[in-house]
Amino acid sequence: MSKKLLSRDAVTGKETWVHDNADGGFIFESSQNVDALLKQNKEEANAYRAGGLIGNTQKHHQKVAEIPTALYYELIQKFGEPKQNPTAWKKWLNEYDNRFFRTSGGNV
């Protein structure tokens, strides 16, 4: 089985590889180094202050999470778009194992 790099994105750290399959087909694999993203998420979560948007009429949206691109598209296949299935997305973000993707305090 041979493995060949198809693309590498220096900004996101995402790599896409193709493997030969035993049955003559191909397997495409995406991976992404998320160390920098997780560090940034931790810094944003530490800087979060509950009630920080109260009285600020210019901030209409609050960032609640940052998810790596490869994982995001995997979750879209599983749950659908966040607008279509917000309950499943919130449940996933609120799971203990996924806390490192949240950028604000508490639950989503």
PDB file of N, CA and C in Angstrom:
ATOM      1  N   MET A   1       0.841  -1.180   0.000  1.00  0.00           N
ATOM      2  CA  MET A   1       0.000   0.000   0.000  1.00  0.00           C
ATOM      3  C   MET A   1       0.886   1.244   0.000  1.00  0.00           C
ATOM      4  N   SER A   2       0.623   2.124  -0.930  1.00  0.00           N
ATOM      5  CA  SER A   2       1.391   3.362  -0.980  1.00  0.00           C
ATOM      6  C   SER A   2       0.553   4.515  -0.422  1.00  0.00           C
ATOM      7  N   LYS A   3       1.245   5.516   0.071  1.00  0.00           N
ATOM      8  CA  LYS A   3       0.611   6.679   0.670  1.00  0.00           C
ATOM      9  C   LYS A   3       1.206   7.913   0.015  1.00  0.00           C
ATOM     10  N   LYS A   4       0.333   8.832  -0.461  1.00  0.00           N
ATOM     11  CA  LYS A   4       0.817  10.011  -1.159  1.00  0.00           C
ATOM     12  C   LYS A   4       0.119  11.252  -0.601  1.00  0.00           C
ATOM     13  N   LEU A   5       0.903  12.286  -0.331  1.00  0.00           N
ATOM     14  CA  LEU A   5       0.365  13.549   0.143  1.00  0.00           C
ATOM     15  C   LEU A   5      -0.266  14.303  -1.024  1.00  0.00           C
ATOM     16  N   LEU A   6      -1.550  14.652  -0.890  1.00  0.00           N
ATOM     17  CA  LEU A   6      -2.236  15.403  -1.934  1.00  0.00           C
ATOM     18  C   LEU A   6      -2.160  16.907  -1.706  1.00  0.00           C
ATOM     19  N   SER A   7      -2.334  17.331  -0.458  1.00  0.00           N
ATOM     20  CA  SER A   7      -2.283  18.766  -0.181  1.00  0.00           C
ATOM     21  C   SER A   7      -1.898  19.013   1.269  1.00  0.00           C
ATOM     22  N   ARG A   8      -1.327  20.189   1.494  1.00  0.00           N
ATOM     23  CA  ARG A   8      -0.952  20.622   2.837  1.00  0.00           C
ATOM     24  C   ARG A   8      -1.239  22.125   2.932  1.00  0.00           C
ATOM     25  N   ASP A   9      -2.006  22.512   3.935  1.00  0.00           N
ATOM     26  CA  ASP A   9      -2.325  23.918   4.160  1.00  0.00           C
ATOM     27  C   ASP A   9      -1.510  24.399   5.352  1.00  0.00           C
ATOM     28  N   ALA A  10      -0.569  25.296   5.092  1.00  0.00           N
ATOM     29  CA  ALA A  10       0.328  25.771   6.142  1.00  0.00           C
ATOM     30  C   ALA A  10      -0.402  26.597   7.195  1.00  0.00           C
ATOM     31  N   VAL A  11      -1.489  27.262   6.815  1.00  0.00           N
ATOM     32  CA  VAL A  11      -2.221  28.117   7.753  1.00  0.00           C
ATOM     33  C   VAL A  11      -3.012  27.281   8.749  1.00  0.00           C
ATOM     34  N   THR A  12      -3.780  26.311   8.257  1.00  0.00           N
ATOM     35  CA  THR A  12      -4.630  25.502   9.137  1.00  0.00           C
ATOM     36  C   THR A  12      -3.942  24.245   9.641  1.00  0.00           C
ATOM     37  N   GLY A  13      -2.823  23.847   9.015  1.00  0.00           N
ATOM     38  CA  GLY A  13      -2.142  22.619   9.403  1.00  0.00           C
ATOM     39  C   GLY A  13      -2.827  21.366   8.890  1.00  0.00           C
ATOM     40  N   LYS A  14      -3.750  21.514   7.955  1.00  0.00           N
ATOM     41  CA  LYS A  14      -4.493  20.372   7.427  1.00  0.00           C
ATOM     42  C   LYS A  14      -3.709  19.696   6.298  1.00  0.00           C
ATOM     43  N   GLU A  15      -3.669  18.372   6.355  1.00  0.00           N
ATOM     44  CA  GLU A  15      -3.040  17.572   5.308  1.00  0.00           C
ATOM     45  C   GLU A  15      -4.058  16.571   4.775  1.00  0.00           C
ATOM     46  N   THR A  16      -3.994  16.329   3.471  1.00  0.00           N
ATOM     47  CA  THR A  16      -4.848  15.324   2.844  1.00  0.00           C
ATOM     48  C   THR A  16      -3.960  14.312   2.143  1.00  0.00           C
ATOM     49  N   TRP A  17      -4.172  13.046   2.487  1.00  0.00           N
ATOM     50  CA  TRP A  17      -3.388  11.939   1.942  1.00  0.00           C
ATOM     51  C   TRP A  17      -4.307  10.990   1.190  1.00  0.00           C
ATOM     52  N   VAL A  18      -3.743  10.249   0.224  1.00  0.00           N
ATOM     53  CA  VAL A  18      -4.477   9.195  -0.467  1.00  0.00           C
ATOM     54  C   VAL A  18      -3.696   7.893  -0.302  1.00  0.00           C
ATOM     55  N   HIS A  19      -4.416   6.810  -0.015  1.00  0.00           N
ATOM     56  CA  HIS A  19      -3.828   5.480   0.157  1.00  0.00           C
ATOM     57  C   HIS A  19      -4.438   4.546  -0.873  1.00  0.00           C
ATOM     58  N   ASP A  20      -3.641   3.586  -1.350  1.00  0.00           N
ATOM     59  CA  ASP A  20      -4.188   2.506  -2.170  1.00  0.00           C
ATOM     60  C   ASP A  20      -4.908   1.538  -1.248  1.00  0.00           C
ATOM     61  N   ASN A  21      -6.055   1.084  -1.685  1.00  0.00           N
ATOM     62  CA  ASN A  21      -6.826   0.118  -0.921  1.00  0.00           C
ATOM     63  C   ASN A  21      -6.532  -1.282  -1.460  1.00  0.00           C
ATOM     64  N   ALA A  22      -6.660  -2.305  -0.633  1.00  0.00           N
ATOM     65  CA  ALA A  22      -6.381  -3.686  -1.042  1.00  0.00           C
ATOM     66  C   ALA A  22      -7.277  -4.135  -2.185  1.00  0.00           C
ATOM     67  N   ASP A  23      -8.505  -3.588  -2.283  1.00  0.00           N
ATOM     68  CA  ASP A  23      -9.431  -4.001  -3.340  1.00  0.00           C
ATOM     69  C   ASP A  23      -9.278  -3.184  -4.623  1.00  0.00           C
ATOM     70  N   GLY A  24      -8.227  -2.364  -4.705  1.00  0.00           N
ATOM     71  CA  GLY A  24      -7.967  -1.581  -5.905  1.00  0.00           C
ATOM     72  C   GLY A  24      -8.509  -0.164  -5.844  1.00  0.00           C
ATOM     73  N   GLY A  25      -9.227   0.179  -4.791  1.00  0.00           N
ATOM     74  CA  GLY A  25      -9.776   1.525  -4.634  1.00  0.00           C
ATOM     75  C   GLY A  25      -8.804   2.436  -3.912  1.00  0.00           C
ATOM     76  N   PHE A  26      -9.310   3.560  -3.491  1.00  0.00           N
ATOM     77  CA  PHE A  26      -8.498   4.551  -2.796  1.00  0.00           C
ATOM     78  C   PHE A  26      -9.163   4.964  -1.494  1.00  0.00           C
ATOM     79  N   ILE A  27      -8.347   5.340  -0.533  1.00  0.00           N
ATOM     80  CA  ILE A  27      -8.814   5.883   0.733  1.00  0.00           C
ATOM     81  C   ILE A  27      -8.217   7.272   0.871  1.00  0.00           C
ATOM     82  N   PHE A  28      -9.075   8.276   1.126  1.00  0.00           N
ATOM     83  CA  PHE A  28      -8.618   9.641   1.337  1.00  0.00           C
ATOM     84  C   PHE A  28      -8.660   9.919   2.833  1.00  0.00           C
ATOM     85  N   GLU A  29      -7.574  10.478   3.345  1.00  0.00           N
ATOM     86  CA  GLU A  29      -7.443  10.743   4.771  1.00  0.00           C
ATOM     87  C   GLU A  29      -7.068  12.206   4.974  1.00  0.00           C
ATOM     88  N   SER A  30      -7.812  12.875   5.852  1.00  0.00           N
ATOM     89  CA  SER A  30      -7.487  14.259   6.219  1.00  0.00           C
ATOM     90  C   SER A  30      -7.087  14.295   7.681  1.00  0.00           C
ATOM     91  N   SER A  31      -6.034  15.039   7.968  1.00  0.00           N
ATOM     92  CA  SER A  31      -5.615  15.227   9.357  1.00  0.00           C
ATOM     93  C   SER A  31      -5.234  16.686   9.530  1.00  0.00           C
ATOM     94  N   GLN A  32      -5.284  17.127  10.779  1.00  0.00           N
ATOM     95  CA  GLN A  32      -4.992  18.529  11.044  1.00  0.00           C
ATOM     96  C   GLN A  32      -4.336  18.656  12.412  1.00  0.00           C
ATOM     97  N   ASN A  33      -3.233  19.379  12.465  1.00  0.00           N
ATOM     98  CA  ASN A  33      -2.582  19.667  13.735  1.00  0.00           C
ATOM     99  C   ASN A  33      -3.365  20.793  14.403  1.00  0.00           C
ATOM    100  N   VAL A  34      -3.896  20.520  15.583  1.00  0.00           N
ATOM    101  CA  VAL A  34      -4.780  21.477  16.237  1.00  0.00           C
ATOM    102  C   VAL A  34      -4.163  22.111  17.488  1.00  0.00           C
ATOM    103  N   ASP A  35      -2.880  21.933  17.703  1.00  0.00           N
ATOM    104  CA  ASP A  35      -2.237  22.475  18.904  1.00  0.00           C
ATOM    105  C   ASP A  35      -2.426  23.988  19.032  1.00  0.00           C
ATOM    106  N   ALA A  36      -2.175  24.732  17.952  1.00  0.00           N
ATOM    107  CA  ALA A  36      -2.310  26.193  17.996  1.00  0.00           C
ATOM    108  C   ALA A  36      -3.764  26.599  18.223  1.00  0.00           C
ATOM    109  N   LEU A  37      -4.687  25.896  17.588  1.00  0.00           N
ATOM    110  CA  LEU A  37      -6.105  26.199  17.752  1.00  0.00           C
ATOM    111  C   LEU A  37      -6.554  25.964  19.193  1.00  0.00           C
ATOM    112  N   LEU A  38      -6.122  24.858  19.789  1.00  0.00           N
ATOM    113  CA  LEU A  38      -6.500  24.558  21.170  1.00  0.00           C
ATOM    114  C   LEU A  38      -5.903  25.577  22.140  1.00  0.00           C
ATOM    115  N   LYS A  39      -4.684  26.034  21.859  1.00  0.00           N
ATOM    116  CA  LYS A  39      -4.059  27.063  22.697  1.00  0.00           C
ATOM    117  C   LYS A  39      -4.851  28.362  22.614  1.00  0.00           C
ATOM    118  N   GLN A  40      -5.241  28.740  21.406  1.00  0.00           N
ATOM    119  CA  GLN A  40      -6.032  29.953  21.204  1.00  0.00           C
ATOM    120  C   GLN A  40      -7.389  29.824  21.903  1.00  0.00           C
ATOM    121  N   ASN A  41      -8.028  28.665  21.787  1.00  0.00           N
ATOM    122  CA  ASN A  41      -9.318  28.446  22.453  1.00  0.00           C
ATOM    123  C   ASN A  41      -9.192  28.599  23.966  1.00  0.00           C
ATOM    124  N   LYS A  42      -8.110  28.076  24.534  1.00  0.00           N
ATOM    125  CA  LYS A  42      -7.903  28.170  25.974  1.00  0.00           C
ATOM    126  C   LYS A  42      -7.726  29.629  26.398  1.00  0.00           C
ATOM    127  N   GLU A  43      -6.955  30.387  25.613  1.00  0.00           N
ATOM    128  CA  GLU A  43      -6.753  31.803  25.915  1.00  0.00           C
ATOM    129  C   GLU A  43      -8.074  32.571  25.856  1.00  0.00           C
ATOM    130  N   GLU A  44      -8.901  32.284  24.844  1.00  0.00           N
ATOM    131  CA  GLU A  44     -10.193  32.963  24.713  1.00  0.00           C
ATOM    132  C   GLU A  44     -11.132  32.562  25.847  1.00  0.00           C
ATOM    133  N   ALA A  45     -11.121  31.282  26.224  1.00  0.00           N
ATOM    134  CA  ALA A  45     -11.974  30.827  27.318  1.00  0.00           C
ATOM    135  C   ALA A  45     -11.550  31.475  28.636  1.00  0.00           C
ATOM    136  N   ASN A  46     -10.240  31.631  28.846  1.00  0.00           N
ATOM    137  CA  ASN A  46      -9.748  32.279  30.068  1.00  0.00           C
ATOM    138  C   ASN A  46     -10.087  33.770  30.095  1.00  0.00           C
ATOM    139  N   ALA A  47     -10.155  34.396  28.929  1.00  0.00           N
ATOM    140  CA  ALA A  47     -10.463  35.826  28.845  1.00  0.00           C
ATOM    141  C   ALA A  47     -11.968  36.098  28.908  1.00  0.00           C
ATOM    142  N   TYR A  48     -12.780  35.068  28.754  1.00  0.00           N
ATOM    143  CA  TYR A  48     -14.238  35.226  28.761  1.00  0.00           C
ATOM    144  C   TYR A  48     -14.719  35.722  30.126  1.00  0.00           C
ATOM    145  N   ARG A  49     -15.627  36.675  30.097  1.00  0.00           N
ATOM    146  CA  ARG A  49     -16.236  37.192  31.320  1.00  0.00           C
ATOM    147  C   ARG A  49     -17.747  37.114  31.159  1.00  0.00           C
ATOM    148  N   ALA A  50     -18.399  36.397  32.057  1.00  0.00           N
ATOM    149  CA  ALA A  50     -19.859  36.277  32.014  1.00  0.00           C
ATOM    150  C   ALA A  50     -20.480  37.663  32.093  1.00  0.00           C
ATOM    151  N   GLY A  51     -21.460  37.919  31.251  1.00  0.00           N
ATOM    152  CA  GLY A  51     -22.135  39.214  31.246  1.00  0.00           C
ATOM    153  C   GLY A  51     -21.375  40.291  30.506  1.00  0.00           C
ATOM    154  N   GLY A  52     -20.308  39.940  29.830  1.00  0.00           N
ATOM    155  CA  GLY A  52     -19.475  40.915  29.134  1.00  0.00           C
ATOM    156  C   GLY A  52     -20.166  41.598  27.968  1.00  0.00           C
ATOM    157  N   LEU A  53     -21.253  41.029  27.477  1.00  0.00           N
ATOM    158  CA  LEU A  53     -21.965  41.637  26.356  1.00  0.00           C
ATOM    159  C   LEU A  53     -23.107  42.539  26.815  1.00  0.00           C
ATOM    160  N   ILE A  54     -23.436  42.519  28.084  1.00  0.00           N
ATOM    161  CA  ILE A  54     -24.547  43.326  28.584  1.00  0.00           C
ATOM    162  C   ILE A  54     -24.218  44.804  28.412  1.00  0.00           C
ATOM    163  N   GLY A  55     -25.138  45.529  27.801  1.00  0.00           N
ATOM    164  CA  GLY A  55     -24.965  46.961  27.587  1.00  0.00           C
ATOM    165  C   GLY A  55     -24.166  47.309  26.343  1.00  0.00           C
ATOM    166  N   ASN A  56     -23.579  46.327  25.668  1.00  0.00           N
ATOM    167  CA  ASN A  56     -22.815  46.583  24.448  1.00  0.00           C
ATOM    168  C   ASN A  56     -23.728  46.333  23.257  1.00  0.00           C
ATOM    169  N   THR A  57     -24.242  47.384  22.677  1.00  0.00           N
ATOM    170  CA  THR A  57     -25.200  47.234  21.577  1.00  0.00           C
ATOM    171  C   THR A  57     -24.520  46.922  20.246  1.00  0.00           C
ATOM    172  N   GLN A  58     -23.208  46.916  20.202  1.00  0.00           N
ATOM    173  CA  GLN A  58     -22.497  46.666  18.954  1.00  0.00           C
ATOM    174  C   GLN A  58     -22.071  45.206  18.799  1.00  0.00           C
ATOM    175  N   LYS A  59     -22.133  44.434  19.847  1.00  0.00           N
ATOM    176  CA  LYS A  59     -21.763  43.019  19.775  1.00  0.00           C
ATOM    177  C   LYS A  59     -23.030  42.179  19.769  1.00  0.00           C
ATOM    178  N   HIS A  60     -23.411  41.718  18.593  1.00  0.00           N
ATOM    179  CA  HIS A  60     -24.658  40.970  18.455  1.00  0.00           C
ATOM    180  C   HIS A  60     -24.428  39.460  18.466  1.00  0.00           C
ATOM    181  N   HIS A  61     -23.211  39.049  18.283  1.00  0.00           N
ATOM    182  CA  HIS A  61     -22.874  37.621  18.253  1.00  0.00           C
ATOM    183  C   HIS A  61     -21.743  37.354  19.227  1.00  0.00           C
ATOM    184  N   GLN A  62     -21.760  36.164  19.777  1.00  0.00           N
ATOM    185  CA  GLN A  62     -20.693  35.756  20.680  1.00  0.00           C
ATOM    186  C   GLN A  62     -20.117  34.444  20.171  1.00  0.00           C
ATOM    187  N   LYS A  63     -18.821  34.400  20.005  1.00  0.00           N
ATOM    188  CA  LYS A  63     -18.142  33.178  19.589  1.00  0.00           C
ATOM    189  C   LYS A  63     -18.178  32.187  20.744  1.00  0.00           C
ATOM    190  N   VAL A  64     -18.641  30.968  20.478  1.00  0.00           N
ATOM    191  CA  VAL A  64     -18.738  29.973  21.541  1.00  0.00           C
ATOM    192  C   VAL A  64     -17.762  28.819  21.352  1.00  0.00           C
ATOM    193  N   ALA A  65     -17.243  28.640  20.119  1.00  0.00           N
ATOM    194  CA  ALA A  65     -16.341  27.526  19.874  1.00  0.00           C
ATOM    195  C   ALA A  65     -15.538  27.757  18.605  1.00  0.00           C
ATOM    196  N   GLU A  66     -14.421  27.058  18.525  1.00  0.00           N
ATOM    197  CA  GLU A  66     -13.596  27.009  17.310  1.00  0.00           C
ATOM    198  C   GLU A  66     -13.262  25.544  17.097  1.00  0.00           C
ATOM    199  N   ILE A  67     -13.702  25.006  15.954  1.00  0.00           N
ATOM    200  CA  ILE A  67     -13.553  23.578  15.653  1.00  0.00           C
ATOM    201  C   ILE A  67     -12.622  23.434  14.452  1.00  0.00           C
ATOM    202  N   PRO A  68     -11.670  22.499  14.491  1.00  0.00           N
ATOM    203  CA  PRO A  68     -10.785  22.282  13.338  1.00  0.00           C
ATOM    204  C   PRO A  68     -11.588  21.929  12.084  1.00  0.00           C
ATOM    205  N   THR A  69     -11.106  22.370  10.947  1.00  0.00           N
ATOM    206  CA  THR A  69     -11.816  22.193   9.683  1.00  0.00           C
ATOM    207  C   THR A  69     -12.153  20.737   9.395  1.00  0.00           C
ATOM    208  N   ALA A  70     -11.178  19.853   9.522  1.00  0.00           N
ATOM    209  CA  ALA A  70     -11.413  18.435   9.211  1.00  0.00           C
ATOM    210  C   ALA A  70     -12.512  17.860  10.100  1.00  0.00           C
ATOM    211  N   LEU A  71     -12.491  18.190  11.382  1.00  0.00           N
ATOM    212  CA  LEU A  71     -13.504  17.713  12.316  1.00  0.00           C
ATOM    213  C   LEU A  71     -14.859  18.332  12.017  1.00  0.00           C
ATOM    214  N   TYR A  72     -14.885  19.612  11.654  1.00  0.00           N
ATOM    215  CA  TYR A  72     -16.131  20.301  11.328  1.00  0.00           C
ATOM    216  C   TYR A  72     -16.866  19.581  10.200  1.00  0.00           C
ATOM    217  N   TYR A  73     -16.163  19.233   9.136  1.00  0.00           N
ATOM    218  CA  TYR A  73     -16.811  18.563   8.011  1.00  0.00           C
ATOM    219  C   TYR A  73     -17.240  17.140   8.362  1.00  0.00           C
ATOM    220  N   GLU A  74     -16.515  16.503   9.251  1.00  0.00           N
ATOM    221  CA  GLU A  74     -16.923  15.191   9.748  1.00  0.00           C
ATOM    222  C   GLU A  74     -18.232  15.318  10.539  1.00  0.00           C
ATOM    223  N   LEU A  75     -18.335  16.357  11.345  1.00  0.00           N
ATOM    224  CA  LEU A  75     -19.546  16.587  12.130  1.00  0.00           C
ATOM    225  C   LEU A  75     -20.727  16.981  11.247  1.00  0.00           C
ATOM    226  N   ILE A  76     -20.479  17.693  10.166  1.00  0.00           N
ATOM    227  CA  ILE A  76     -21.554  18.024   9.225  1.00  0.00           C
ATOM    228  C   ILE A  76     -22.140  16.748   8.637  1.00  0.00           C
ATOM    229  N   GLN A  77     -21.285  15.791   8.304  1.00  0.00           N
ATOM    230  CA  GLN A  77     -21.787  14.514   7.780  1.00  0.00           C
ATOM    231  C   GLN A  77     -22.616  13.785   8.829  1.00  0.00           C
ATOM    232  N   LYS A  78     -22.239  13.921  10.087  1.00  0.00           N
ATOM    233  CA  LYS A  78     -22.922  13.218  11.173  1.00  0.00           C
ATOM    234  C   LYS A  78     -24.223  13.907  11.591  1.00  0.00           C
ATOM    235  N   PHE A  79     -24.180  15.249  11.766  1.00  0.00           N
ATOM    236  CA  PHE A  79     -25.318  15.984  12.310  1.00  0.00           C
ATOM    237  C   PHE A  79     -26.063  16.846  11.294  1.00  0.00           C
ATOM    238  N   GLY A  80     -25.431  17.160  10.166  1.00  0.00           N
ATOM    239  CA  GLY A  80     -25.980  18.161   9.259  1.00  0.00           C
ATOM    240  C   GLY A  80     -25.437  19.527   9.641  1.00  0.00           C
ATOM    241  N   GLU A  81     -25.848  20.556   8.919  1.00  0.00           N
ATOM    242  CA  GLU A  81     -25.409  21.926   9.199  1.00  0.00           C
ATOM    243  C   GLU A  81     -25.889  22.361  10.582  1.00  0.00           C
ATOM    244  N   PRO A  82     -25.115  23.210  11.267  1.00  0.00           N
ATOM    245  CA  PRO A  82     -25.534  23.676  12.597  1.00  0.00           C
ATOM    246  C   PRO A  82     -26.928  24.319  12.609  1.00  0.00           C
ATOM    247  N   LYS A  83     -27.286  25.051  11.543  1.00  0.00           N
ATOM    248  CA  LYS A  83     -28.610  25.669  11.471  1.00  0.00           C
ATOM    249  C   LYS A  83     -29.718  24.617  11.398  1.00  0.00           C
ATOM    250  N   GLN A  84     -29.423  23.473  10.784  1.00  0.00           N
ATOM    251  CA  GLN A  84     -30.426  22.427  10.602  1.00  0.00           C
ATOM    252  C   GLN A  84     -30.614  21.575  11.848  1.00  0.00           C
ATOM    253  N   ASN A  85     -29.577  21.457  12.671  1.00  0.00           N
ATOM    254  CA  ASN A  85     -29.641  20.569  13.829  1.00  0.00           C
ATOM    255  C   ASN A  85     -28.892  21.197  15.018  1.00  0.00           C
ATOM    256  N   PRO A  86     -29.360  22.342  15.504  1.00  0.00           N
ATOM    257  CA  PRO A  86     -28.630  23.011  16.585  1.00  0.00           C
ATOM    258  C   PRO A  86     -28.581  22.197  17.873  1.00  0.00           C
ATOM    259  N   THR A  87     -29.583  21.383  18.130  1.00  0.00           N
ATOM    260  CA  THR A  87     -29.610  20.587  19.362  1.00  0.00           C
ATOM    261  C   THR A  87     -28.449  19.605  19.409  1.00  0.00           C
ATOM    262  N   ALA A  88     -28.191  18.900  18.308  1.00  0.00           N
ATOM    263  CA  ALA A  88     -27.096  17.922  18.268  1.00  0.00           C
ATOM    264  C   ALA A  88     -25.747  18.625  18.389  1.00  0.00           C
ATOM    265  N   TRP A  89     -25.596  19.780  17.735  1.00  0.00           N
ATOM    266  CA  TRP A  89     -24.352  20.528  17.812  1.00  0.00           C
ATOM    267  C   TRP A  89     -24.099  21.017  19.230  1.00  0.00           C
ATOM    268  N   LYS A  90     -25.129  21.544  19.890  1.00  0.00           N
ATOM    269  CA  LYS A  90     -24.978  22.008  21.266  1.00  0.00           C
ATOM    270  C   LYS A  90     -24.624  20.853  22.189  1.00  0.00           C
ATOM    271  N   LYS A  91     -25.294  19.735  21.997  1.00  0.00           N
ATOM    272  CA  LYS A  91     -25.014  18.557  22.831  1.00  0.00           C
ATOM    273  C   LYS A  91     -23.562  18.133  22.657  1.00  0.00           C
ATOM    274  N   TRP A  92     -23.074  18.101  21.411  1.00  0.00           N
ATOM    275  CA  TRP A  92     -21.689  17.704  21.142  1.00  0.00           C
ATOM    276  C   TRP A  92     -20.718  18.685  21.801  1.00  0.00           C
ATOM    277  N   LEU A  93     -20.965  19.989  21.671  1.00  0.00           N
ATOM    278  CA  LEU A  93     -20.078  20.993  22.255  1.00  0.00           C
ATOM    279  C   LEU A  93     -20.083  20.951  23.783  1.00  0.00           C
ATOM    280  N   ASN A  94     -21.199  20.566  24.378  1.00  0.00           N
ATOM    281  CA  ASN A  94     -21.307  20.530  25.831  1.00  0.00           C
ATOM    282  C   ASN A  94     -20.751  19.247  26.447  1.00  0.00           C
ATOM    283  N   GLU A  95     -20.407  18.252  25.616  1.00  0.00           N
ATOM    284  CA  GLU A  95     -19.806  17.024  26.139  1.00  0.00           C
ATOM    285  C   GLU A  95     -18.431  17.341  26.737  1.00  0.00           C
ATOM    286  N   TYR A  96     -18.118  16.672  27.818  1.00  0.00           N
ATOM    287  CA  TYR A  96     -16.879  16.927  28.553  1.00  0.00           C
ATOM    288  C   TYR A  96     -15.642  16.780  27.664  1.00  0.00           C
ATOM    289  N   ASP A  97     -15.609  15.750  26.828  1.00  0.00           N
ATOM    290  CA  ASP A  97     -14.435  15.497  25.979  1.00  0.00           C
ATOM    291  C   ASP A  97     -14.209  16.582  24.930  1.00  0.00           C
ATOM    292  N   ASN A  98     -15.237  17.382  24.637  1.00  0.00           N
ATOM    293  CA  ASN A  98     -15.131  18.421  23.604  1.00  0.00           C
ATOM    294  C   ASN A  98     -14.983  19.823  24.186  1.00  0.00           C
ATOM    295  N   ARG A  99     -14.728  19.926  25.478  1.00  0.00           N
ATOM    296  CA  ARG A  99     -14.645  21.225  26.158  1.00  0.00           C
ATOM    297  C   ARG A  99     -13.518  22.100  25.615  1.00  0.00           C
ATOM    298  N   PHE A 100     -12.501  21.503  25.051  1.00  0.00           N
ATOM    299  CA  PHE A 100     -11.350  22.276  24.557  1.00  0.00           C
ATOM    300  C   PHE A 100     -11.673  23.065  23.283  1.00  0.00           C
ATOM    301  N   PHE A 101     -12.801  22.759  22.667  1.00  0.00           N
ATOM    302  CA  PHE A 101     -13.213  23.508  21.470  1.00  0.00           C
ATOM    303  C   PHE A 101     -14.045  24.733  21.829  1.00  0.00           C
ATOM    304  N   ARG A 102     -14.541  24.817  23.058  1.00  0.00           N
ATOM    305  CA  ARG A 102     -15.351  25.958  23.499  1.00  0.00           C
ATOM    306  C   ARG A 102     -14.445  27.151  23.827  1.00  0.00           C
ATOM    307  N   THR A 103     -14.934  28.343  23.501  1.00  0.00           N
ATOM    308  CA  THR A 103     -14.154  29.551  23.736  1.00  0.00           C
ATOM    309  C   THR A 103     -14.810  30.485  24.749  1.00  0.00           C
ATOM    310  N   SER A 104     -15.929  30.044  25.318  1.00  0.00           N
ATOM    311  CA  SER A 104     -16.604  30.854  26.335  1.00  0.00           C
ATOM    312  C   SER A 104     -16.915  29.966  27.525  1.00  0.00           C
ATOM    313  N   GLY A 105     -17.311  30.568  28.614  1.00  0.00           N
ATOM    314  CA  GLY A 105     -17.570  29.818  29.827  1.00  0.00           C
ATOM    315  C   GLY A 105     -18.912  29.098  29.799  1.00  0.00           C
ATOM    316  N   GLY A 106     -19.069  28.133  30.661  1.00  0.00           N
ATOM    317  CA  GLY A 106     -20.342  27.422  30.819  1.00  0.00           C
ATOM    318  C   GLY A 106     -20.690  26.547  29.645  1.00  0.00           C
ATOM    319  N   ASN A 107     -21.968  26.262  29.537  1.00  0.00           N
ATOM    320  CA  ASN A 107     -22.474  25.425  28.455  1.00  0.00           C
ATOM    321  C   ASN A 107     -22.998  26.285  27.312  1.00  0.00           C
ATOM    322  N   VAL A 108     -23.061  25.666  26.152  1.00  0.00           N
ATOM    323  CA  VAL A 108     -23.579  26.346  24.959  1.00  0.00           C
ATOM    324  C   VAL A 108     -25.081  26.250  24.980  1.00  0.00           C
TER     325      VAL A 108
END
